[in-house]
Protein backbone atom coordinates (compact mmCIF):
# COMPACT_ATOMS: atom_id res chain seq x y z
CA UNK A 1 46.14 95.50 85.04
CA UNK A 2 43.04 97.49 84.05
CA UNK A 3 42.00 100.77 85.64
CA UNK A 4 39.41 98.98 87.79
CA UNK A 5 41.68 96.23 89.11
CA UNK A 6 43.57 96.77 92.38
CA UNK A 7 47.35 96.77 92.53
CA UNK A 8 48.28 93.28 93.75
CA UNK A 9 51.27 93.31 96.10
CA UNK A 10 53.04 90.34 97.72
CA UNK A 11 54.38 90.92 101.23
CA UNK A 12 56.49 88.47 103.27
CA UNK A 13 54.29 86.60 105.71
CA UNK A 14 57.06 85.82 108.22
CA UNK A 15 60.79 86.00 108.86
CA UNK A 16 63.21 88.91 108.94
CA UNK A 17 61.60 90.55 105.90
CA UNK A 18 58.04 90.55 107.21
CA UNK A 19 57.79 93.33 109.80
CA UNK A 20 60.17 95.80 108.08
CA UNK A 21 58.27 95.37 104.80
CA UNK A 22 54.88 95.95 106.42
CA UNK A 23 56.23 98.92 108.38
CA UNK A 24 57.59 100.54 105.21
CA UNK A 25 54.27 100.06 103.42
CA UNK A 26 52.45 101.46 106.45
CA UNK A 27 54.69 104.55 106.42
CA UNK A 28 53.97 104.87 102.71
CA UNK A 29 50.27 105.26 103.54
CA UNK A 30 49.03 101.76 102.74
CA UNK A 31 46.83 99.76 105.05
CA UNK A 32 48.56 96.77 106.66
CA UNK A 33 47.22 93.87 108.66
CA UNK A 34 46.68 94.02 112.41
CA UNK A 35 46.41 90.23 112.73
CA UNK A 36 49.29 88.10 111.43
CA UNK A 37 46.79 85.36 110.56
CA UNK A 38 45.38 87.51 107.76
CA UNK A 39 46.71 86.32 104.40
CA UNK A 40 44.86 88.75 102.13
CA UNK A 41 44.17 92.39 102.92
CA UNK A 42 42.09 94.86 100.92
CA UNK A 43 43.06 98.54 100.82
CA UNK A 44 40.32 100.16 98.69
CA UNK A 45 41.36 103.70 99.62
CA UNK A 46 44.66 103.14 97.81
CA UNK A 47 43.37 100.76 95.17
CA UNK A 48 45.61 97.97 96.44
CA UNK A 49 45.35 94.37 97.58
CA UNK A 50 48.07 92.73 99.70
CA UNK A 51 48.89 89.02 99.75
CA UNK A 52 51.01 87.74 102.63
CA UNK A 53 53.13 84.87 101.35
CA UNK A 54 56.22 82.84 102.21
CA UNK A 55 59.23 84.97 101.23
CA UNK A 56 60.59 82.13 99.06
CA UNK A 57 57.36 81.97 97.05
CA UNK A 58 56.98 85.68 96.28
CA UNK A 59 59.36 85.81 93.30
CA UNK A 60 57.56 82.86 91.67
CA UNK A 61 54.13 84.47 92.06
CA UNK A 62 55.36 87.81 90.74
CA UNK A 63 57.29 86.20 87.89
CA UNK A 64 54.22 84.25 86.81
CA UNK A 65 52.24 87.47 86.47
CA UNK A 66 49.71 86.54 89.13
CA UNK A 67 50.84 89.51 91.22
CA UNK A 68 51.97 92.95 90.06
CA UNK A 69 54.85 93.48 92.49
CA UNK A 70 56.29 91.96 95.64
CA UNK A 71 58.82 92.52 98.38
CA UNK A 72 61.42 89.82 98.90
CA UNK A 73 65.16 89.35 99.28
CA UNK A 74 67.42 89.68 96.25
CA UNK A 75 68.98 86.35 97.27
CA UNK A 76 65.58 84.65 97.22
CA UNK A 77 64.83 86.16 93.82
CA UNK A 78 68.07 84.85 92.32
CA UNK A 79 67.65 81.48 94.02
CA UNK A 80 64.13 81.04 92.64
CA UNK A 81 65.08 81.47 88.99
CA UNK A 82 61.79 83.33 88.53
CA UNK A 83 61.29 85.70 85.59
CA UNK A 84 61.20 88.77 87.80
CA UNK A 85 63.46 91.79 88.26
CA UNK A 86 64.37 94.29 90.95
CA UNK A 87 62.87 97.74 90.46
CA UNK A 88 63.82 99.24 93.84
CA UNK A 89 66.28 98.19 96.54
CA UNK A 90 64.71 98.89 99.93
CA UNK A 91 67.76 99.10 102.19
CA UNK A 92 66.80 96.63 104.92
CA UNK A 93 67.44 92.91 105.60
CA UNK A 94 70.97 93.17 104.24
CA UNK A 95 72.90 89.89 104.14
CA UNK A 96 76.06 88.37 102.70
CA UNK A 97 76.32 84.89 101.19
CA UNK A 98 79.65 83.16 101.94
CA UNK A 99 81.47 79.82 101.76
CA UNK A 100 82.65 78.07 104.93
CA UNK A 101 84.53 74.84 105.67
CA UNK A 102 86.10 73.05 108.62
CA UNK A 103 88.62 75.07 110.61
CA UNK A 104 92.17 74.30 109.52
CA UNK A 105 91.22 72.65 106.23
CA UNK A 106 92.47 73.87 102.85
CA UNK A 107 90.01 76.53 101.73
CA UNK A 108 89.83 78.23 98.34
CA UNK A 109 87.35 78.35 95.50
CA UNK A 110 89.47 75.90 93.50
CA UNK A 111 89.29 73.42 96.40
CA UNK A 112 85.55 73.10 95.75
CA UNK A 113 86.03 71.33 92.41
CA UNK A 114 84.43 67.91 92.61
CA UNK A 115 83.38 68.49 96.23
CA UNK A 116 79.97 68.58 97.89
CA UNK A 117 78.64 71.98 98.95
CA UNK A 118 75.51 72.17 101.14
CA UNK A 119 73.18 75.14 101.02
CA UNK A 120 69.60 76.25 101.51
CA UNK A 121 69.98 78.38 98.34
CA UNK A 122 70.75 75.83 95.59
CA UNK A 123 69.73 78.08 92.71
CA UNK A 124 71.92 80.94 93.88
CA UNK A 125 74.88 78.64 94.53
CA UNK A 126 74.56 76.81 91.20
CA UNK A 127 74.41 80.16 89.40
CA UNK A 128 77.59 81.35 91.11
CA UNK A 129 79.53 78.12 90.53
CA UNK A 130 78.57 78.15 86.85
CA UNK A 131 79.78 81.73 86.53
CA UNK A 132 83.10 80.76 88.11
CA UNK A 133 83.48 77.61 86.01
CA UNK A 134 83.57 75.39 89.11
CA UNK A 135 81.98 71.94 88.92
CA UNK A 136 80.78 70.83 92.35
CA UNK A 137 77.86 68.87 93.72
CA UNK A 138 75.20 71.13 95.24
CA UNK A 139 73.49 69.53 98.26
CA UNK A 140 70.15 71.14 99.00
CA UNK A 141 69.16 71.39 102.66
CA UNK A 142 66.22 73.19 104.25
CA UNK A 143 67.01 75.48 107.15
CA UNK A 144 70.34 75.59 108.98
CA UNK A 145 73.26 73.98 107.16
CA UNK A 146 76.03 74.53 109.75
CA UNK A 147 76.16 70.86 110.79
CA UNK A 148 76.35 69.49 107.24
CA UNK A 149 80.15 69.18 107.27
CA UNK A 150 80.35 67.64 110.74
CA UNK A 151 77.68 65.07 109.84
CA UNK A 152 79.43 64.12 106.62
CA UNK A 153 76.75 65.38 104.26
CA UNK A 154 79.04 67.95 102.61
CA UNK A 155 82.66 69.12 102.38
CA UNK A 156 81.75 72.81 102.62
CA UNK A 157 78.67 74.99 102.96
CA UNK A 158 77.39 78.19 101.37
CA UNK A 159 75.11 80.24 103.58
CA UNK A 160 73.97 83.67 104.69
CA UNK A 161 76.52 85.10 107.11
CA UNK A 162 76.15 88.03 109.50
CA UNK A 163 78.86 87.91 112.18
CA UNK A 164 80.17 84.37 111.61
CA UNK A 165 79.62 83.44 115.26
CA UNK A 166 77.26 80.56 114.47
CA UNK A 167 79.71 79.12 111.94
CA UNK A 168 82.64 79.30 114.36
CA UNK A 169 80.52 77.53 116.95
CA UNK A 170 80.05 74.70 114.46
CA UNK A 171 83.81 74.48 113.83
CA UNK A 172 83.70 76.26 110.47
CA UNK A 173 85.69 79.11 108.95
CA UNK A 174 84.58 81.54 106.24
CA UNK A 175 86.73 81.63 103.12
CA UNK A 176 86.83 83.34 99.76
CA UNK A 177 84.99 86.41 98.54
CA UNK A 178 81.24 86.82 99.10
CA UNK A 179 79.15 84.97 96.56
CA UNK A 180 76.35 87.53 96.78
CA UNK A 181 75.27 90.59 98.75
CA UNK A 182 71.54 90.88 99.24
CA UNK A 183 68.90 93.19 100.64
CA UNK A 184 65.12 93.51 100.49
CA UNK A 185 63.80 94.72 97.15
CA UNK A 186 60.60 95.53 95.33
CA UNK A 187 60.31 93.24 92.31
CA UNK A 188 58.03 92.86 89.29
CA UNK A 189 57.72 90.48 86.36
CA UNK A 190 60.54 90.87 83.86
CA UNK A 191 59.46 93.05 80.95
CA UNK A 192 56.20 94.12 82.60
CA UNK A 193 54.82 97.48 81.48
CA UNK A 194 54.88 100.05 84.28
CA UNK A 195 51.44 101.05 85.51
CA UNK A 196 50.37 104.25 87.25
CA UNK A 197 49.68 102.28 90.46
CA UNK A 198 53.16 100.73 90.46
CA UNK A 199 54.76 104.12 89.78
CA UNK A 200 52.81 105.59 92.69
CA UNK A 201 53.98 102.77 94.97
CA UNK A 202 57.58 103.41 93.86
CA UNK A 203 57.33 107.13 94.62
CA UNK A 204 55.85 106.45 98.04
CA UNK A 205 58.51 103.91 98.99
CA UNK A 206 61.28 106.19 97.74
CA UNK A 207 59.76 108.96 99.86
CA UNK A 208 59.84 106.74 102.95
CA UNK A 209 63.47 105.80 102.32
CA UNK A 210 64.53 109.44 101.95
CA UNK A 211 62.51 110.45 105.01
CA UNK A 212 64.34 107.79 107.04
CA UNK A 213 67.73 108.97 105.84
CA UNK A 214 67.28 112.74 106.24
CA UNK A 215 66.06 115.29 108.78
CA UNK A 216 65.13 118.95 108.41
CA UNK A 217 67.55 121.37 110.05
CA UNK A 218 66.61 125.00 110.76
CA UNK A 219 68.99 127.65 112.07
CA UNK A 220 69.56 131.39 112.21
CA UNK A 221 72.77 132.85 110.86
CA UNK A 222 74.25 136.33 110.25
CA UNK A 223 73.98 137.28 106.58
CA UNK A 224 77.74 137.55 106.09
CA UNK A 225 78.10 133.94 107.30
CA UNK A 226 75.34 132.42 105.15
CA UNK A 227 77.66 131.15 102.40
CA UNK A 228 79.89 129.36 104.92
CA UNK A 229 76.86 127.81 106.64
CA UNK A 230 75.10 126.57 103.50
CA UNK A 231 78.37 124.98 102.38
CA UNK A 232 77.89 122.72 105.44
CA UNK A 233 74.17 122.21 104.73
CA UNK A 234 73.78 122.22 100.94
CA UNK A 235 70.48 120.34 101.22
CA UNK A 236 69.02 117.64 99.01
CA UNK A 237 68.78 120.13 96.16
CA UNK A 238 69.25 123.58 97.68
CA UNK A 239 68.62 125.12 101.12
CA UNK A 240 65.87 127.68 101.76
CA UNK A 241 67.23 131.04 102.96
CA UNK A 242 64.76 133.65 104.29
CA UNK A 243 65.42 137.07 105.83
CA UNK A 244 64.63 137.49 109.53
CA UNK A 245 62.94 140.51 111.07
CA UNK A 246 66.24 141.33 112.75
CA UNK A 247 68.33 143.16 110.15
CA UNK A 248 71.46 141.34 109.00
CA UNK A 249 70.20 137.85 109.91
CA UNK A 250 68.65 135.03 107.89
CA UNK A 251 66.84 131.76 108.64
CA UNK A 252 68.05 128.67 106.80
CA UNK A 253 66.19 125.39 106.32
CA UNK A 254 67.89 122.38 104.78
CA UNK A 255 67.68 118.59 104.58
CA UNK A 256 70.74 116.93 106.12
CA UNK A 257 71.69 113.25 106.50
CA UNK A 258 70.29 111.89 109.76
CA UNK A 259 73.53 110.10 110.65
CA UNK A 260 75.49 113.38 110.44
CA UNK A 261 73.07 115.50 112.48
CA UNK A 262 75.20 116.19 115.55
CA UNK A 263 78.41 116.76 113.62
CA UNK A 264 76.67 119.29 111.37
CA UNK A 265 75.13 121.06 114.38
CA UNK A 266 78.60 121.37 115.94
CA UNK A 267 80.04 122.83 112.73
CA UNK A 268 77.19 125.32 112.36
CA UNK A 269 77.60 126.45 115.96
CA UNK A 270 81.30 127.07 115.42
CA UNK A 271 80.52 129.13 112.32
CA UNK A 272 78.05 131.25 114.29
CA UNK A 273 74.62 129.68 113.71
CA UNK A 274 72.11 129.86 116.53
CA UNK A 275 68.63 128.45 117.27
CA UNK A 276 69.56 125.21 115.52
CA UNK A 277 66.53 122.91 115.38
CA UNK A 278 66.12 119.40 113.96
CA UNK A 279 62.79 117.95 112.81
CA UNK A 280 61.94 114.43 111.63
CA UNK A 281 60.61 113.98 108.10
CA UNK A 282 57.69 111.56 108.03
CA UNK A 283 57.11 111.55 104.28
CA UNK A 284 58.34 113.42 101.23
CA UNK A 285 58.35 113.57 97.42
CA UNK A 286 61.50 114.89 95.79
């Protein structure tokens, strides 16, 4: 990519990856489409161009070198066989890939030898079976595969599982260890040389992820209690401690994990902290 060419980014056009991916890019300061019918979007202010594609196609486009980077699921990347690699896990659209078979039937990985296994992810499944040394027939189906066993198409299935409710409703039981754990990821062509635009995108997305995970906490504390307090709020690197106008007191500012906010506030109060305030972080670079 030359200095005059825009950064070409693939974004999921639909499905569970679409809105979270666009929202993350929007929080990272990039322009995103207002109309879901738009398939190409120019963002000249950031030197970027966004292509909205089927999630299953993104790894192939990125792996071919037609696009610089893309956002897709790790499962879709592995299933595609594309020459692309993950450069940043994005923390959303988490899923688990599992085996399932009829309730009450014998279920183990060894039981799959010589059997038919239906899936919408044939590449991922074939890769796993080869790693395990299991020879089985992979039946490719598009969309839901829960009825494959009941309709006699397969002896077992391999599919994305969240709660297992849908599988139980189809008379199936999960068995064995997960084949694969996936989440959304930023990918690029394997072996591609990092560009300044890609590095900037990485920093921005990392900043969004940290901003979502942390909040800023401010509080006042007596000087002789500062060490005890900062042990509770050590910060991302180190807290900021500033003297107050009132002698013997200091103000402390620190980043704390969002999920632990109320527990930390309770601990600080018990130590003696007062005027405890919490502020959202909208963006950061660390």
